[in-house]
Amino acid sequence: MRSGTSPAANYGESQSAESKADFVHKLKIALKELRETEIWVKIILRANMIEPASKLTPLAEETDELAAILFKSIETAKKRRER
């Protein structure tokens, strides 16, 4: 539960970052938490803790999509920081 809600809080923190480096750092933390969430979802699926497992499929997909968005945002912010 904590790793699943942490990315939103860290993303919110990034919006008030003190610098571009701080912004990137906070996005990286959010991405790290999303990856942890992804692992927990996989563990829950493999352990058959939720039936039917299809209930978690949208969550797993959304976690992947958000991770891709954050990854791209980090890349973009780094490029802009270099300018």
PDB file of N, CA and C in Angstrom:
ATOM      1  N   MET A   1       0.818  -1.191   0.000  1.00  0.00           N
ATOM      2  CA  MET A   1       0.000   0.000   0.000  1.00  0.00           C
ATOM      3  C   MET A   1       0.866   1.261   0.000  1.00  0.00           C
ATOM      4  N   ARG A   2       1.922   1.249   0.825  1.00  0.00           N
ATOM      5  CA  ARG A   2       2.768   2.438   0.909  1.00  0.00           C
ATOM      6  C   ARG A   2       3.497   2.724  -0.398  1.00  0.00           C
ATOM      7  N   SER A   3       4.085   1.681  -1.006  1.00  0.00           N
ATOM      8  CA  SER A   3       4.806   1.933  -2.252  1.00  0.00           C
ATOM      9  C   SER A   3       3.841   2.323  -3.361  1.00  0.00           C
ATOM     10  N   GLY A   4       2.598   1.874  -3.274  1.00  0.00           N
ATOM     11  CA  GLY A   4       1.607   2.198  -4.294  1.00  0.00           C
ATOM     12  C   GLY A   4       1.093   3.621  -4.217  1.00  0.00           C
ATOM     13  N   THR A   5       1.148   4.223  -3.046  1.00  0.00           N
ATOM     14  CA  THR A   5       0.670   5.600  -2.893  1.00  0.00           C
ATOM     15  C   THR A   5       1.818   6.609  -2.885  1.00  0.00           C
ATOM     16  N   SER A   6       3.009   6.147  -2.635  1.00  0.00           N
ATOM     17  CA  SER A   6       4.171   7.027  -2.565  1.00  0.00           C
ATOM     18  C   SER A   6       4.489   7.755  -3.875  1.00  0.00           C
ATOM     19  N   PRO A   7       4.363   7.112  -5.047  1.00  0.00           N
ATOM     20  CA  PRO A   7       4.693   7.829  -6.281  1.00  0.00           C
ATOM     21  C   PRO A   7       3.902   9.125  -6.465  1.00  0.00           C
ATOM     22  N   ALA A   8       2.639   9.110  -6.115  1.00  0.00           N
ATOM     23  CA  ALA A   8       1.821  10.320  -6.266  1.00  0.00           C
ATOM     24  C   ALA A   8       2.330  11.430  -5.358  1.00  0.00           C
ATOM     25  N   ALA A   9       2.668  11.072  -4.136  1.00  0.00           N
ATOM     26  CA  ALA A   9       3.186  12.074  -3.194  1.00  0.00           C
ATOM     27  C   ALA A   9       4.531  12.627  -3.669  1.00  0.00           C
ATOM     28  N   ASN A  10       5.395  11.753  -4.156  1.00  0.00           N
ATOM     29  CA  ASN A  10       6.700  12.204  -4.642  1.00  0.00           C
ATOM     30  C   ASN A  10       6.572  13.036  -5.911  1.00  0.00           C
ATOM     31  N   TYR A  11       5.641  12.676  -6.763  1.00  0.00           N
ATOM     32  CA  TYR A  11       5.397  13.490  -7.954  1.00  0.00           C
ATOM     33  C   TYR A  11       4.912  14.876  -7.530  1.00  0.00           C
ATOM     34  N   GLY A  12       4.032  14.937  -6.560  1.00  0.00           N
ATOM     35  CA  GLY A  12       3.563  16.221  -6.038  1.00  0.00           C
ATOM     36  C   GLY A  12       4.710  17.056  -5.496  1.00  0.00           C
ATOM     37  N   GLU A  13       5.621  16.404  -4.810  1.00  0.00           N
ATOM     38  CA  GLU A  13       6.801  17.102  -4.294  1.00  0.00           C
ATOM     39  C   GLU A  13       7.656  17.655  -5.434  1.00  0.00           C
ATOM     40  N   SER A  14       7.727  16.921  -6.527  1.00  0.00           N
ATOM     41  CA  SER A  14       8.546  17.374  -7.657  1.00  0.00           C
ATOM     42  C   SER A  14       8.004  18.676  -8.254  1.00  0.00           C
ATOM     43  N   GLN A  15       6.716  18.881  -8.120  1.00  0.00           N
ATOM     44  CA  GLN A  15       6.102  20.083  -8.682  1.00  0.00           C
ATOM     45  C   GLN A  15       6.551  21.348  -7.963  1.00  0.00           C
ATOM     46  N   SER A  16       7.061  21.199  -6.753  1.00  0.00           N
ATOM     47  CA  SER A  16       7.563  22.377  -6.034  1.00  0.00           C
ATOM     48  C   SER A  16       9.066  22.255  -5.788  1.00  0.00           C
ATOM     49  N   ALA A  17       9.740  21.591  -6.718  1.00  0.00           N
ATOM     50  CA  ALA A  17      11.186  21.411  -6.596  1.00  0.00           C
ATOM     51  C   ALA A  17      11.898  22.758  -6.606  1.00  0.00           C
ATOM     52  N   GLU A  18      13.021  22.806  -5.916  1.00  0.00           N
ATOM     53  CA  GLU A  18      13.779  24.043  -5.795  1.00  0.00           C
ATOM     54  C   GLU A  18      14.713  24.288  -6.982  1.00  0.00           C
ATOM     55  N   SER A  19      14.953  23.252  -7.764  1.00  0.00           N
ATOM     56  CA  SER A  19      15.823  23.381  -8.932  1.00  0.00           C
ATOM     57  C   SER A  19      15.495  22.247  -9.893  1.00  0.00           C
ATOM     58  N   LYS A  20      16.071  22.314 -11.091  1.00  0.00           N
ATOM     59  CA  LYS A  20      15.851  21.216 -12.043  1.00  0.00           C
ATOM     60  C   LYS A  20      16.457  19.919 -11.522  1.00  0.00           C
ATOM     61  N   ALA A  21      17.592  20.026 -10.848  1.00  0.00           N
ATOM     62  CA  ALA A  21      18.227  18.830 -10.278  1.00  0.00           C
ATOM     63  C   ALA A  21      17.335  18.219  -9.199  1.00  0.00           C
ATOM     64  N   ASP A  22      16.738  19.059  -8.386  1.00  0.00           N
ATOM     65  CA  ASP A  22      15.822  18.590  -7.347  1.00  0.00           C
ATOM     66  C   ASP A  22      14.579  17.966  -7.975  1.00  0.00           C
ATOM     67  N   PHE A  23      14.093  18.560  -9.054  1.00  0.00           N
ATOM     68  CA  PHE A  23      12.943  18.028  -9.787  1.00  0.00           C
ATOM     69  C   PHE A  23      13.242  16.620 -10.290  1.00  0.00           C
ATOM     70  N   VAL A  24      14.388  16.458 -10.926  1.00  0.00           N
ATOM     71  CA  VAL A  24      14.792  15.142 -11.452  1.00  0.00           C
ATOM     72  C   VAL A  24      14.928  14.143 -10.312  1.00  0.00           C
ATOM     73  N   HIS A  25      15.537  14.573  -9.225  1.00  0.00           N
ATOM     74  CA  HIS A  25      15.727  13.690  -8.073  1.00  0.00           C
ATOM     75  C   HIS A  25      14.390  13.179  -7.535  1.00  0.00           C
ATOM     76  N   LYS A  26      13.430  14.067  -7.400  1.00  0.00           N
ATOM     77  CA  LYS A  26      12.120  13.677  -6.880  1.00  0.00           C
ATOM     78  C   LYS A  26      11.374  12.760  -7.864  1.00  0.00           C
ATOM     79  N   LEU A  27      11.524  13.012  -9.151  1.00  0.00           N
ATOM     80  CA  LEU A  27      10.920  12.115 -10.138  1.00  0.00           C
ATOM     81  C   LEU A  27      11.562  10.732 -10.080  1.00  0.00           C
ATOM     82  N   LYS A  28      12.866  10.687  -9.847  1.00  0.00           N
ATOM     83  CA  LYS A  28      13.554   9.398  -9.735  1.00  0.00           C
ATOM     84  C   LYS A  28      13.044   8.615  -8.529  1.00  0.00           C
ATOM     85  N   ILE A  29      12.774   9.315  -7.445  1.00  0.00           N
ATOM     86  CA  ILE A  29      12.219   8.647  -6.263  1.00  0.00           C
ATOM     87  C   ILE A  29      10.834   8.087  -6.590  1.00  0.00           C
ATOM     88  N   ALA A  30      10.017   8.876  -7.268  1.00  0.00           N
ATOM     89  CA  ALA A  30       8.682   8.412  -7.665  1.00  0.00           C
ATOM     90  C   ALA A  30       8.785   7.189  -8.564  1.00  0.00           C
ATOM     91  N   LEU A  31       9.724   7.202  -9.504  1.00  0.00           N
ATOM     92  CA  LEU A  31       9.927   6.061 -10.404  1.00  0.00           C
ATOM     93  C   LEU A  31      10.368   4.828  -9.617  1.00  0.00           C
ATOM     94  N   LYS A  32      11.259   5.023  -8.667  1.00  0.00           N
ATOM     95  CA  LYS A  32      11.718   3.923  -7.817  1.00  0.00           C
ATOM     96  C   LYS A  32      10.539   3.298  -7.072  1.00  0.00           C
ATOM     97  N   GLU A  33       9.675   4.123  -6.540  1.00  0.00           N
ATOM     98  CA  GLU A  33       8.512   3.622  -5.811  1.00  0.00           C
ATOM     99  C   GLU A  33       7.539   2.889  -6.747  1.00  0.00           C
ATOM    100  N   LEU A  34       7.408   3.377  -7.972  1.00  0.00           N
ATOM    101  CA  LEU A  34       6.562   2.678  -8.949  1.00  0.00           C
ATOM    102  C   LEU A  34       7.120   1.293  -9.259  1.00  0.00           C
ATOM    103  N   ARG A  35       8.427   1.211  -9.378  1.00  0.00           N
ATOM    104  CA  ARG A  35       9.051  -0.098  -9.646  1.00  0.00           C
ATOM    105  C   ARG A  35       8.830  -1.050  -8.479  1.00  0.00           C
ATOM    106  N   GLU A  36       8.895  -0.517  -7.261  1.00  0.00           N
ATOM    107  CA  GLU A  36       8.619  -1.350  -6.088  1.00  0.00           C
ATOM    108  C   GLU A  36       7.166  -1.826  -6.112  1.00  0.00           C
ATOM    109  N   THR A  37       6.265  -0.927  -6.461  1.00  0.00           N
ATOM    110  CA  THR A  37       4.855  -1.289  -6.564  1.00  0.00           C
ATOM    111  C   THR A  37       4.664  -2.400  -7.579  1.00  0.00           C
ATOM    112  N   GLU A  38       5.361  -2.283  -8.702  1.00  0.00           N
ATOM    113  CA  GLU A  38       5.263  -3.302  -9.751  1.00  0.00           C
ATOM    114  C   GLU A  38       5.678  -4.676  -9.224  1.00  0.00           C
ATOM    115  N   ILE A  39       6.734  -4.710  -8.442  1.00  0.00           N
ATOM    116  CA  ILE A  39       7.199  -5.967  -7.855  1.00  0.00           C
ATOM    117  C   ILE A  39       6.150  -6.544  -6.909  1.00  0.00           C
ATOM    118  N   TRP A  40       5.569  -5.682  -6.069  1.00  0.00           N
ATOM    119  CA  TRP A  40       4.550  -6.161  -5.136  1.00  0.00           C
ATOM    120  C   TRP A  40       3.326  -6.695  -5.869  1.00  0.00           C
ATOM    121  N   VAL A  41       2.929  -6.039  -6.937  1.00  0.00           N
ATOM    122  CA  VAL A  41       1.785  -6.523  -7.718  1.00  0.00           C
ATOM    123  C   VAL A  41       2.103  -7.898  -8.303  1.00  0.00           C
ATOM    124  N   LYS A  42       3.318  -8.072  -8.802  1.00  0.00           N
ATOM    125  CA  LYS A  42       3.714  -9.373  -9.348  1.00  0.00           C
ATOM    126  C   LYS A  42       3.710 -10.454  -8.264  1.00  0.00           C
ATOM    127  N   ILE A  43       4.191 -10.097  -7.076  1.00  0.00           N
ATOM    128  CA  ILE A  43       4.198 -11.060  -5.972  1.00  0.00           C
ATOM    129  C   ILE A  43       2.768 -11.459  -5.624  1.00  0.00           C
ATOM    130  N   ILE A  44       1.884 -10.482  -5.539  1.00  0.00           N
ATOM    131  CA  ILE A  44       0.483 -10.753  -5.217  1.00  0.00           C
ATOM    132  C   ILE A  44      -0.139 -11.650  -6.284  1.00  0.00           C
ATOM    133  N   LEU A  45       0.161 -11.367  -7.550  1.00  0.00           N
ATOM    134  CA  LEU A  45      -0.377 -12.182  -8.641  1.00  0.00           C
ATOM    135  C   LEU A  45       0.140 -13.619  -8.573  1.00  0.00           C
ATOM    136  N   ARG A  46       1.434 -13.772  -8.392  1.00  0.00           N
ATOM    137  CA  ARG A  46       2.030 -15.118  -8.377  1.00  0.00           C
ATOM    138  C   ARG A  46       1.603 -15.923  -7.160  1.00  0.00           C
ATOM    139  N   ALA A  47       1.299 -15.233  -6.068  1.00  0.00           N
ATOM    140  CA  ALA A  47       0.867 -15.926  -4.852  1.00  0.00           C
ATOM    141  C   ALA A  47      -0.638 -16.179  -4.843  1.00  0.00           C
ATOM    142  N   ASN A  48      -1.308 -15.760  -5.914  1.00  0.00           N
ATOM    143  CA  ASN A  48      -2.761 -15.922  -6.018  1.00  0.00           C
ATOM    144  C   ASN A  48      -3.493 -15.356  -4.805  1.00  0.00           C
ATOM    145  N   MET A  49      -3.058 -14.184  -4.361  1.00  0.00           N
ATOM    146  CA  MET A  49      -3.653 -13.562  -3.186  1.00  0.00           C
ATOM    147  C   MET A  49      -4.971 -12.861  -3.494  1.00  0.00           C
ATOM    148  N   ILE A  50      -5.196 -12.566  -4.763  1.00  0.00           N
ATOM    149  CA  ILE A  50      -6.437 -11.916  -5.182  1.00  0.00           C
ATOM    150  C   ILE A  50      -7.048 -12.735  -6.306  1.00  0.00           C
ATOM    151  N   GLU A  51      -8.292 -13.052  -6.134  1.00  0.00           N
ATOM    152  CA  GLU A  51      -9.019 -13.803  -7.161  1.00  0.00           C
ATOM    153  C   GLU A  51     -10.196 -12.979  -7.653  1.00  0.00           C
ATOM    154  N   PRO A  52     -10.450 -12.888  -8.885  1.00  0.00           N
ATOM    155  CA  PRO A  52      -9.592 -13.373  -9.962  1.00  0.00           C
ATOM    156  C   PRO A  52      -8.406 -12.429 -10.160  1.00  0.00           C
ATOM    157  N   ALA A  53      -7.327 -12.985 -10.657  1.00  0.00           N
ATOM    158  CA  ALA A  53      -6.105 -12.213 -10.875  1.00  0.00           C
ATOM    159  C   ALA A  53      -6.327 -11.067 -11.859  1.00  0.00           C
ATOM    160  N   SER A  54      -7.332 -11.199 -12.693  1.00  0.00           N
ATOM    161  CA  SER A  54      -7.611 -10.155 -13.687  1.00  0.00           C
ATOM    162  C   SER A  54      -7.968  -8.817 -13.038  1.00  0.00           C
ATOM    163  N   LYS A  55      -8.325  -8.835 -11.770  1.00  0.00           N
ATOM    164  CA  LYS A  55      -8.609  -7.582 -11.062  1.00  0.00           C
ATOM    165  C   LYS A  55      -7.362  -6.702 -10.957  1.00  0.00           C
ATOM    166  N   LEU A  56      -6.191  -7.350 -10.941  1.00  0.00           N
ATOM    167  CA  LEU A  56      -4.938  -6.599 -10.816  1.00  0.00           C
ATOM    168  C   LEU A  56      -4.337  -6.206 -12.155  1.00  0.00           C
ATOM    169  N   THR A  57      -4.824  -6.772 -13.235  1.00  0.00           N
ATOM    170  CA  THR A  57      -4.263  -6.471 -14.549  1.00  0.00           C
ATOM    171  C   THR A  57      -4.280  -4.979 -14.864  1.00  0.00           C
ATOM    172  N   PRO A  58      -5.384  -4.266 -14.655  1.00  0.00           N
ATOM    173  CA  PRO A  58      -5.368  -2.826 -14.935  1.00  0.00           C
ATOM    174  C   PRO A  58      -4.363  -2.071 -14.065  1.00  0.00           C
ATOM    175  N   LEU A  59      -4.192  -2.502 -12.823  1.00  0.00           N
ATOM    176  CA  LEU A  59      -3.221  -1.856 -11.934  1.00  0.00           C
ATOM    177  C   LEU A  59      -1.799  -2.078 -12.436  1.00  0.00           C
ATOM    178  N   ALA A  60      -1.504  -3.294 -12.852  1.00  0.00           N
ATOM    179  CA  ALA A  60      -0.174  -3.598 -13.389  1.00  0.00           C
ATOM    180  C   ALA A  60       0.098  -2.784 -14.652  1.00  0.00           C
ATOM    181  N   GLU A  61      -0.894  -2.691 -15.526  1.00  0.00           N
ATOM    182  CA  GLU A  61      -0.733  -1.918 -16.762  1.00  0.00           C
ATOM    183  C   GLU A  61      -0.537  -0.435 -16.471  1.00  0.00           C
ATOM    184  N   GLU A  62      -1.314   0.099 -15.545  1.00  0.00           N
ATOM    185  CA  GLU A  62      -1.189   1.515 -15.212  1.00  0.00           C
ATOM    186  C   GLU A  62       0.166   1.813 -14.569  1.00  0.00           C
ATOM    187  N   THR A  63       0.650   0.893 -13.762  1.00  0.00           N
ATOM    188  CA  THR A  63       1.966   1.062 -13.144  1.00  0.00           C
ATOM    189  C   THR A  63       3.037   1.136 -14.224  1.00  0.00           C
ATOM    190  N   ASP A  64       2.952   0.256 -15.219  1.00  0.00           N
ATOM    191  CA  ASP A  64       3.907   0.280 -16.339  1.00  0.00           C
ATOM    192  C   ASP A  64       3.820   1.590 -17.115  1.00  0.00           C
ATOM    193  N   GLU A  65       2.605   2.041 -17.380  1.00  0.00           N
ATOM    194  CA  GLU A  65       2.418   3.286 -18.131  1.00  0.00           C
ATOM    195  C   GLU A  65       2.975   4.487 -17.365  1.00  0.00           C
ATOM    196  N   LEU A  66       2.692   4.550 -16.082  1.00  0.00           N
ATOM    197  CA  LEU A  66       3.201   5.662 -15.271  1.00  0.00           C
ATOM    198  C   LEU A  66       4.723   5.640 -15.198  1.00  0.00           C
ATOM    199  N   ALA A  67       5.299   4.451 -15.084  1.00  0.00           N
ATOM    200  CA  ALA A  67       6.757   4.336 -15.053  1.00  0.00           C
ATOM    201  C   ALA A  67       7.365   4.847 -16.358  1.00  0.00           C
ATOM    202  N   ALA A  68       6.741   4.504 -17.472  1.00  0.00           N
ATOM    203  CA  ALA A  68       7.236   4.980 -18.774  1.00  0.00           C
ATOM    204  C   ALA A  68       7.142   6.498 -18.876  1.00  0.00           C
ATOM    205  N   ILE A  69       6.050   7.060 -18.372  1.00  0.00           N
ATOM    206  CA  ILE A  69       5.878   8.514 -18.399  1.00  0.00           C
ATOM    207  C   ILE A  69       6.936   9.195 -17.537  1.00  0.00           C
ATOM    208  N   LEU A  70       7.142   8.683 -16.337  1.00  0.00           N
ATOM    209  CA  LEU A  70       8.149   9.291 -15.450  1.00  0.00           C
ATOM    210  C   LEU A  70       9.545   9.148 -16.033  1.00  0.00           C
ATOM    211  N   PHE A  71       9.854   7.987 -16.606  1.00  0.00           N
ATOM    212  CA  PHE A  71      11.165   7.779 -17.209  1.00  0.00           C
ATOM    213  C   PHE A  71      11.417   8.811 -18.302  1.00  0.00           C
ATOM    214  N   LYS A  72      10.435   9.003 -19.158  1.00  0.00           N
ATOM    215  CA  LYS A  72      10.569   9.970 -20.251  1.00  0.00           C
ATOM    216  C   LYS A  72      10.678  11.392 -19.692  1.00  0.00           C
ATOM    217  N   SER A  73       9.922  11.696 -18.659  1.00  0.00           N
ATOM    218  CA  SER A  73       9.981  13.028 -18.037  1.00  0.00           C
ATOM    219  C   SER A  73      11.371  13.293 -17.464  1.00  0.00           C
ATOM    220  N   ILE A  74      11.966  12.272 -16.860  1.00  0.00           N
ATOM    221  CA  ILE A  74      13.318  12.411 -16.309  1.00  0.00           C
ATOM    222  C   ILE A  74      14.316  12.682 -17.428  1.00  0.00           C
ATOM    223  N   GLU A  75      14.211  11.913 -18.510  1.00  0.00           N
ATOM    224  CA  GLU A  75      15.098  12.127 -19.664  1.00  0.00           C
ATOM    225  C   GLU A  75      14.962  13.543 -20.209  1.00  0.00           C
ATOM    226  N   THR A  76      13.735  14.002 -20.375  1.00  0.00           N
ATOM    227  CA  THR A  76      13.479  15.340 -20.913  1.00  0.00           C
ATOM    228  C   THR A  76      14.032  16.404 -19.985  1.00  0.00           C
ATOM    229  N   ALA A  77      13.801  16.266 -18.698  1.00  0.00           N
ATOM    230  CA  ALA A  77      14.288  17.255 -17.729  1.00  0.00           C
ATOM    231  C   ALA A  77      15.813  17.296 -17.704  1.00  0.00           C
ATOM    232  N   LYS A  78      16.451  16.139 -17.833  1.00  0.00           N
ATOM    233  CA  LYS A  78      17.914  16.103 -17.863  1.00  0.00           C
ATOM    234  C   LYS A  78      18.450  16.826 -19.089  1.00  0.00           C
ATOM    235  N   LYS A  79      17.814  16.613 -20.234  1.00  0.00           N
ATOM    236  CA  LYS A  79      18.250  17.287 -21.462  1.00  0.00           C
ATOM    237  C   LYS A  79      18.102  18.794 -21.330  1.00  0.00           C
ATOM    238  N   ARG A  80      17.014  19.229 -20.756  1.00  0.00           N
ATOM    239  CA  ARG A  80      16.780  20.675 -20.580  1.00  0.00           C
ATOM    240  C   ARG A  80      17.742  21.267 -19.582  1.00  0.00           C
ATOM    241  N   ARG A  81      18.132  20.477 -18.587  1.00  0.00           N
ATOM    242  CA  ARG A  81      19.070  20.947 -17.573  1.00  0.00           C
ATOM    243  C   ARG A  81      20.450  21.169 -18.172  1.00  0.00           C
ATOM    244  N   GLU A  82      20.799  20.382 -19.202  1.00  0.00           N
ATOM    245  CA  GLU A  82      22.105  20.477 -19.847  1.00  0.00           C
ATOM    246  C   GLU A  82      22.229  21.725 -20.723  1.00  0.00           C
ATOM    247  N   ARG A  83      21.123  22.306 -21.098  1.00  0.00           N
ATOM    248  CA  ARG A  83      21.162  23.463 -21.993  1.00  0.00           C
ATOM    249  C   ARG A  83      21.664  24.692 -21.300  1.00  0.00           C
TER     250      ARG A  83
END
